[in-house]
C-alpha cells in the first residue's frame, strides 16, 4: 500500500520554468491519486480501469521518462470531492483532468508565494 508519505519527493523547483534554449517546460505536473481515493476516481467515466498497483507502476515509468528528459516533476494530489466540485458543468475528459492538475499546481504555487 502506498501512502502520501511514500509519494516521490524531488525537491522544489519553479513551476513552468524552462530549460535554457528549450521550448519544453522544465516542470511536469502529474496528478497523484491516493490509494484510498483510487477506486472512486477510477470509476469516473474516461478513466482507464486498472488497479492501484498497475496505475502506480505506470506513473513511476512516466516519472522515470520525464526525469531522463531533464524535467522536474510536481505532483498534485487529486481528491474526489474537490475534483467533482471543480468539474461541475465541465465534461469529464482527459483535457479536463489535465486542466485540473494544472489548476492545483497553480493554486499551490500561489499559496507558497
N, C-alpha and C. Protein backbone atom coordinates (compact mmCIF):
# COMPACT_ATOMS: atom_id res chain seq x y z
N UNK A 1 0.84 -1.18 0.00
CA UNK A 1 0.00 0.00 0.00
C UNK A 1 0.89 1.24 0.00
N UNK A 2 0.60 2.18 -0.87
CA UNK A 2 1.36 3.42 -0.96
C UNK A 2 0.55 4.52 -0.31
N UNK A 3 1.20 5.35 0.44
CA UNK A 3 0.53 6.47 1.08
C UNK A 3 1.17 7.75 0.60
N UNK A 4 0.56 8.86 0.96
CA UNK A 4 1.11 10.13 0.52
C UNK A 4 2.53 10.30 1.02
N UNK A 5 2.84 9.77 2.20
CA UNK A 5 4.20 9.88 2.70
C UNK A 5 5.18 9.13 1.81
N UNK A 6 4.67 8.20 0.99
CA UNK A 6 5.52 7.48 0.07
C UNK A 6 5.54 8.12 -1.32
N UNK A 7 4.86 9.26 -1.48
CA UNK A 7 4.87 9.95 -2.75
C UNK A 7 6.31 10.37 -3.04
N UNK A 8 6.81 10.14 -4.23
CA UNK A 8 8.18 10.53 -4.55
C UNK A 8 8.41 12.01 -4.30
N UNK A 9 9.53 12.34 -3.74
CA UNK A 9 9.89 13.72 -3.46
C UNK A 9 11.13 14.07 -4.28
N UNK A 10 11.08 15.15 -5.01
CA UNK A 10 12.20 15.53 -5.86
C UNK A 10 12.67 16.95 -5.58
N UNK A 11 12.43 17.47 -4.38
CA UNK A 11 12.86 18.82 -4.06
C UNK A 11 11.90 19.85 -4.60
N UNK A 12 12.35 21.08 -4.65
CA UNK A 12 11.47 22.15 -5.12
C UNK A 12 12.02 22.72 -6.42
N UNK A 13 11.14 23.32 -7.17
CA UNK A 13 11.51 23.91 -8.44
C UNK A 13 10.49 24.96 -8.79
N UNK A 14 10.81 25.74 -9.77
CA UNK A 14 9.89 26.79 -10.20
C UNK A 14 8.95 26.20 -11.24
N UNK A 15 7.67 26.13 -10.91
CA UNK A 15 6.69 25.58 -11.83
C UNK A 15 6.65 26.42 -13.10
N UNK A 16 6.70 25.75 -14.23
CA UNK A 16 6.63 26.44 -15.51
C UNK A 16 7.96 26.95 -15.99
N UNK A 17 9.04 26.72 -15.23
CA UNK A 17 10.37 27.15 -15.68
C UNK A 17 10.73 26.39 -16.94
N UNK A 18 11.65 26.93 -17.69
CA UNK A 18 12.05 26.27 -18.94
C UNK A 18 13.55 26.01 -18.93
N UNK A 19 13.93 24.94 -19.60
CA UNK A 19 15.33 24.63 -19.77
C UNK A 19 15.90 25.66 -20.74
N UNK A 20 17.05 26.29 -20.40
CA UNK A 20 17.63 27.29 -21.32
C UNK A 20 17.78 26.74 -22.73
N UNK A 21 17.34 27.51 -23.72
CA UNK A 21 17.44 27.10 -25.11
C UNK A 21 16.38 26.10 -25.54
N UNK A 22 15.41 25.83 -24.69
CA UNK A 22 14.39 24.85 -24.99
C UNK A 22 13.01 25.48 -24.92
N UNK A 23 12.10 24.94 -25.69
CA UNK A 23 10.71 25.38 -25.60
C UNK A 23 9.91 24.43 -24.74
N UNK A 24 10.55 23.37 -24.23
CA UNK A 24 9.88 22.39 -23.40
C UNK A 24 9.78 22.91 -21.96
N UNK A 25 8.64 22.73 -21.32
CA UNK A 25 8.54 23.10 -19.90
C UNK A 25 9.49 22.24 -19.08
N UNK A 26 10.11 22.84 -18.09
CA UNK A 26 11.04 22.12 -17.23
C UNK A 26 10.28 21.30 -16.19
N UNK A 27 9.16 21.81 -15.73
CA UNK A 27 8.40 21.11 -14.70
C UNK A 27 7.18 20.44 -15.31
N UNK A 28 7.07 19.14 -15.06
CA UNK A 28 5.90 18.39 -15.49
C UNK A 28 4.97 18.25 -14.28
N UNK A 29 3.71 18.59 -14.47
CA UNK A 29 2.71 18.46 -13.40
C UNK A 29 2.00 17.13 -13.58
N UNK A 30 2.05 16.29 -12.54
CA UNK A 30 1.41 14.99 -12.61
C UNK A 30 0.38 14.85 -11.50
N UNK A 31 -0.81 14.37 -11.84
CA UNK A 31 -1.80 14.12 -10.79
C UNK A 31 -1.37 12.92 -9.95
N UNK A 32 -1.61 13.00 -8.66
CA UNK A 32 -1.30 11.90 -7.74
C UNK A 32 -2.60 11.46 -7.09
N UNK A 33 -2.87 10.17 -7.14
CA UNK A 33 -4.07 9.61 -6.54
C UNK A 33 -3.65 8.76 -5.34
N UNK A 34 -4.23 9.05 -4.20
CA UNK A 34 -4.01 8.22 -3.02
C UNK A 34 -4.73 6.90 -3.22
N UNK A 35 -4.19 5.84 -2.67
CA UNK A 35 -4.80 4.53 -2.84
C UNK A 35 -6.23 4.49 -2.32
N UNK A 36 -6.52 5.20 -1.21
CA UNK A 36 -7.87 5.20 -0.65
C UNK A 36 -8.87 5.91 -1.57
N UNK A 37 -8.41 6.80 -2.42
CA UNK A 37 -9.27 7.54 -3.35
C UNK A 37 -9.33 6.91 -4.74
N UNK A 38 -8.46 5.97 -5.00
CA UNK A 38 -8.28 5.48 -6.36
C UNK A 38 -9.53 4.85 -6.96
N UNK A 39 -10.21 4.01 -6.21
CA UNK A 39 -11.40 3.34 -6.75
C UNK A 39 -12.46 4.36 -7.16
N UNK A 40 -12.68 5.36 -6.32
CA UNK A 40 -13.68 6.39 -6.64
C UNK A 40 -13.27 7.19 -7.86
N UNK A 41 -12.01 7.57 -7.95
CA UNK A 41 -11.54 8.34 -9.09
C UNK A 41 -11.52 7.51 -10.38
N UNK A 42 -11.15 6.25 -10.27
CA UNK A 42 -11.08 5.43 -11.48
C UNK A 42 -12.47 5.04 -11.98
N UNK A 43 -13.48 5.16 -11.13
CA UNK A 43 -14.85 4.85 -11.54
C UNK A 43 -15.44 5.96 -12.42
N UNK A 44 -14.80 7.11 -12.44
CA UNK A 44 -15.27 8.22 -13.28
C UNK A 44 -15.13 7.81 -14.74
N UNK A 45 -16.13 8.07 -15.52
CA UNK A 45 -16.08 7.75 -16.95
C UNK A 45 -14.84 8.39 -17.56
N UNK A 46 -14.17 7.64 -18.38
CA UNK A 46 -12.99 8.17 -19.06
C UNK A 46 -11.69 7.71 -18.42
N UNK A 47 -11.73 7.26 -17.17
CA UNK A 47 -10.52 6.73 -16.55
C UNK A 47 -10.35 5.28 -16.96
N UNK A 48 -9.13 4.92 -17.28
CA UNK A 48 -8.83 3.54 -17.62
C UNK A 48 -9.04 2.65 -16.40
N UNK A 49 -9.70 1.54 -16.57
CA UNK A 49 -9.94 0.61 -15.46
C UNK A 49 -8.67 -0.18 -15.18
N UNK A 50 -8.12 0.01 -14.00
CA UNK A 50 -6.95 -0.74 -13.58
C UNK A 50 -6.86 -0.68 -12.06
N UNK A 51 -6.02 -1.52 -11.50
CA UNK A 51 -5.86 -1.47 -10.05
C UNK A 51 -4.79 -0.44 -9.69
N UNK A 52 -4.73 -0.11 -8.42
CA UNK A 52 -3.82 0.94 -7.97
C UNK A 52 -2.37 0.58 -8.27
N UNK A 53 -1.98 -0.65 -8.03
CA UNK A 53 -0.59 -1.05 -8.25
C UNK A 53 -0.19 -0.89 -9.71
N UNK A 54 -1.09 -1.26 -10.63
CA UNK A 54 -0.81 -1.11 -12.06
C UNK A 54 -0.66 0.37 -12.40
N UNK A 55 -1.58 1.20 -11.89
CA UNK A 55 -1.50 2.65 -12.12
C UNK A 55 -0.19 3.20 -11.57
N UNK A 56 0.15 2.82 -10.35
CA UNK A 56 1.36 3.31 -9.70
C UNK A 56 2.61 2.98 -10.53
N UNK A 57 2.69 1.75 -11.02
CA UNK A 57 3.85 1.35 -11.82
C UNK A 57 3.93 2.16 -13.11
N UNK A 58 2.78 2.42 -13.74
CA UNK A 58 2.76 3.24 -14.96
C UNK A 58 3.21 4.67 -14.66
N UNK A 59 2.76 5.21 -13.54
CA UNK A 59 3.16 6.58 -13.18
C UNK A 59 4.66 6.63 -12.92
N UNK A 60 5.20 5.64 -12.23
CA UNK A 60 6.63 5.63 -11.95
C UNK A 60 7.45 5.51 -13.23
N UNK A 61 6.94 4.79 -14.24
CA UNK A 61 7.61 4.74 -15.53
C UNK A 61 7.60 6.11 -16.19
N UNK A 62 6.45 6.79 -16.11
CA UNK A 62 6.35 8.14 -16.65
C UNK A 62 7.31 9.08 -15.94
N UNK A 63 7.40 8.96 -14.62
CA UNK A 63 8.33 9.77 -13.83
C UNK A 63 9.76 9.52 -14.31
N UNK A 64 10.14 8.27 -14.45
CA UNK A 64 11.49 7.94 -14.93
C UNK A 64 11.75 8.57 -16.29
N UNK A 65 10.79 8.46 -17.20
CA UNK A 65 10.95 9.02 -18.54
C UNK A 65 11.13 10.54 -18.49
N UNK A 66 10.28 11.20 -17.70
CA UNK A 66 10.36 12.66 -17.59
C UNK A 66 11.68 13.11 -16.98
N UNK A 67 12.13 12.42 -15.95
CA UNK A 67 13.40 12.77 -15.32
C UNK A 67 14.57 12.57 -16.28
N UNK A 68 14.54 11.49 -17.05
CA UNK A 68 15.60 11.24 -18.03
C UNK A 68 15.64 12.36 -19.08
N UNK A 69 14.49 12.95 -19.38
CA UNK A 69 14.42 14.05 -20.35
C UNK A 69 14.83 15.38 -19.74
N UNK A 70 15.13 15.39 -18.44
CA UNK A 70 15.58 16.62 -17.79
C UNK A 70 14.47 17.44 -17.15
N UNK A 71 13.29 16.87 -17.03
CA UNK A 71 12.17 17.58 -16.41
C UNK A 71 12.19 17.41 -14.90
N UNK A 72 11.73 18.42 -14.20
CA UNK A 72 11.39 18.30 -12.79
C UNK A 72 9.92 17.88 -12.76
N UNK A 73 9.49 17.37 -11.62
CA UNK A 73 8.12 16.89 -11.53
C UNK A 73 7.44 17.50 -10.32
N UNK A 74 6.23 17.98 -10.54
CA UNK A 74 5.40 18.48 -9.46
C UNK A 74 4.17 17.59 -9.38
N UNK A 75 4.03 16.90 -8.25
CA UNK A 75 2.86 16.06 -8.03
C UNK A 75 1.77 16.89 -7.38
N UNK A 76 0.54 16.72 -7.83
CA UNK A 76 -0.60 17.36 -7.19
C UNK A 76 -1.59 16.27 -6.82
N UNK A 77 -2.00 16.26 -5.56
CA UNK A 77 -2.91 15.22 -5.08
C UNK A 77 -4.34 15.56 -5.47
N UNK A 78 -4.98 14.64 -6.15
CA UNK A 78 -6.36 14.81 -6.58
C UNK A 78 -7.26 14.09 -5.58
N UNK A 79 -8.20 14.84 -5.01
CA UNK A 79 -9.18 14.28 -4.08
C UNK A 79 -10.53 14.25 -4.80
N UNK A 80 -11.27 13.15 -4.68
CA UNK A 80 -12.53 13.01 -5.44
C UNK A 80 -13.52 14.16 -5.24
N UNK A 81 -13.84 14.52 -4.01
CA UNK A 81 -14.85 15.54 -3.77
C UNK A 81 -14.45 16.88 -4.38
N UNK A 82 -13.20 17.26 -4.22
CA UNK A 82 -12.74 18.53 -4.77
C UNK A 82 -12.75 18.50 -6.30
N UNK A 83 -12.35 17.38 -6.88
CA UNK A 83 -12.37 17.26 -8.33
C UNK A 83 -13.79 17.33 -8.87
N UNK A 84 -14.72 16.61 -8.24
CA UNK A 84 -16.11 16.64 -8.69
C UNK A 84 -16.68 18.06 -8.59
N UNK A 85 -16.35 18.77 -7.53
CA UNK A 85 -16.84 20.15 -7.37
C UNK A 85 -16.27 21.04 -8.47
N UNK A 86 -14.98 20.89 -8.77
CA UNK A 86 -14.35 21.69 -9.81
C UNK A 86 -14.93 21.34 -11.18
N UNK A 87 -15.22 20.07 -11.38
CA UNK A 87 -15.71 19.59 -12.67
C UNK A 87 -17.10 20.13 -13.00
N UNK A 88 -17.95 20.25 -12.01
CA UNK A 88 -19.35 20.67 -12.14
C UNK A 88 -19.93 20.56 -13.54
N UNK A 89 -19.90 21.62 -14.33
CA UNK A 89 -20.54 21.64 -15.64
C UNK A 89 -19.59 21.30 -16.78
N UNK A 90 -18.39 20.92 -16.46
CA UNK A 90 -17.42 20.56 -17.50
C UNK A 90 -17.59 19.08 -17.84
N UNK A 91 -17.29 18.73 -19.08
CA UNK A 91 -17.27 17.29 -19.39
C UNK A 91 -16.02 16.67 -18.76
N UNK A 92 -16.14 15.44 -18.33
CA UNK A 92 -15.01 14.74 -17.72
C UNK A 92 -14.17 14.11 -18.84
N UNK A 93 -13.18 14.84 -19.29
CA UNK A 93 -12.32 14.39 -20.37
C UNK A 93 -10.88 14.37 -19.88
N UNK A 94 -10.01 13.78 -20.67
CA UNK A 94 -8.58 13.80 -20.36
C UNK A 94 -8.09 15.24 -20.25
N UNK A 95 -8.55 16.10 -21.14
CA UNK A 95 -8.15 17.51 -21.10
C UNK A 95 -8.61 18.17 -19.80
N UNK A 96 -9.83 17.86 -19.36
CA UNK A 96 -10.33 18.43 -18.10
C UNK A 96 -9.47 17.96 -16.93
N UNK A 97 -9.07 16.70 -16.92
CA UNK A 97 -8.23 16.19 -15.83
C UNK A 97 -6.87 16.87 -15.86
N UNK A 98 -6.32 17.10 -17.04
CA UNK A 98 -5.04 17.83 -17.15
C UNK A 98 -5.21 19.27 -16.67
N UNK A 99 -6.31 19.90 -17.06
CA UNK A 99 -6.58 21.28 -16.61
C UNK A 99 -6.69 21.34 -15.09
N UNK A 100 -7.33 20.35 -14.49
CA UNK A 100 -7.47 20.33 -13.04
C UNK A 100 -6.12 20.18 -12.36
N UNK A 101 -5.27 19.32 -12.89
CA UNK A 101 -3.92 19.17 -12.33
C UNK A 101 -3.15 20.48 -12.43
N UNK A 102 -3.26 21.18 -13.56
CA UNK A 102 -2.60 22.49 -13.71
C UNK A 102 -3.19 23.50 -12.73
N UNK A 103 -4.51 23.46 -12.55
CA UNK A 103 -5.17 24.34 -11.59
C UNK A 103 -4.62 24.10 -10.19
N UNK A 104 -4.50 22.84 -9.78
CA UNK A 104 -3.97 22.53 -8.46
C UNK A 104 -2.53 23.01 -8.31
N UNK A 105 -1.73 22.83 -9.36
CA UNK A 105 -0.33 23.28 -9.31
C UNK A 105 -0.25 24.78 -9.18
N UNK A 106 -1.10 25.49 -9.92
CA UNK A 106 -1.11 26.95 -9.86
C UNK A 106 -1.56 27.43 -8.49
N UNK A 107 -2.59 26.77 -7.94
CA UNK A 107 -3.09 27.13 -6.61
C UNK A 107 -2.02 26.88 -5.55
N UNK A 108 -1.28 25.78 -5.66
CA UNK A 108 -0.24 25.51 -4.68
C UNK A 108 0.93 26.46 -4.84
N UNK A 109 1.24 26.87 -6.08
CA UNK A 109 2.28 27.86 -6.30
C UNK A 109 1.91 29.19 -5.69
N UNK A 110 0.63 29.61 -5.84
CA UNK A 110 0.17 30.87 -5.29
C UNK A 110 0.18 30.84 -3.76
N UNK A 111 -0.20 29.70 -3.19
CA UNK A 111 -0.21 29.57 -1.73
C UNK A 111 1.19 29.61 -1.15
N UNK A 112 2.17 29.14 -1.91
CA UNK A 112 3.55 29.10 -1.43
C UNK A 112 4.22 30.48 -1.53
N UNK A 113 3.67 31.35 -2.36
CA UNK A 113 4.29 32.67 -2.57
C UNK A 113 4.07 33.60 -1.42
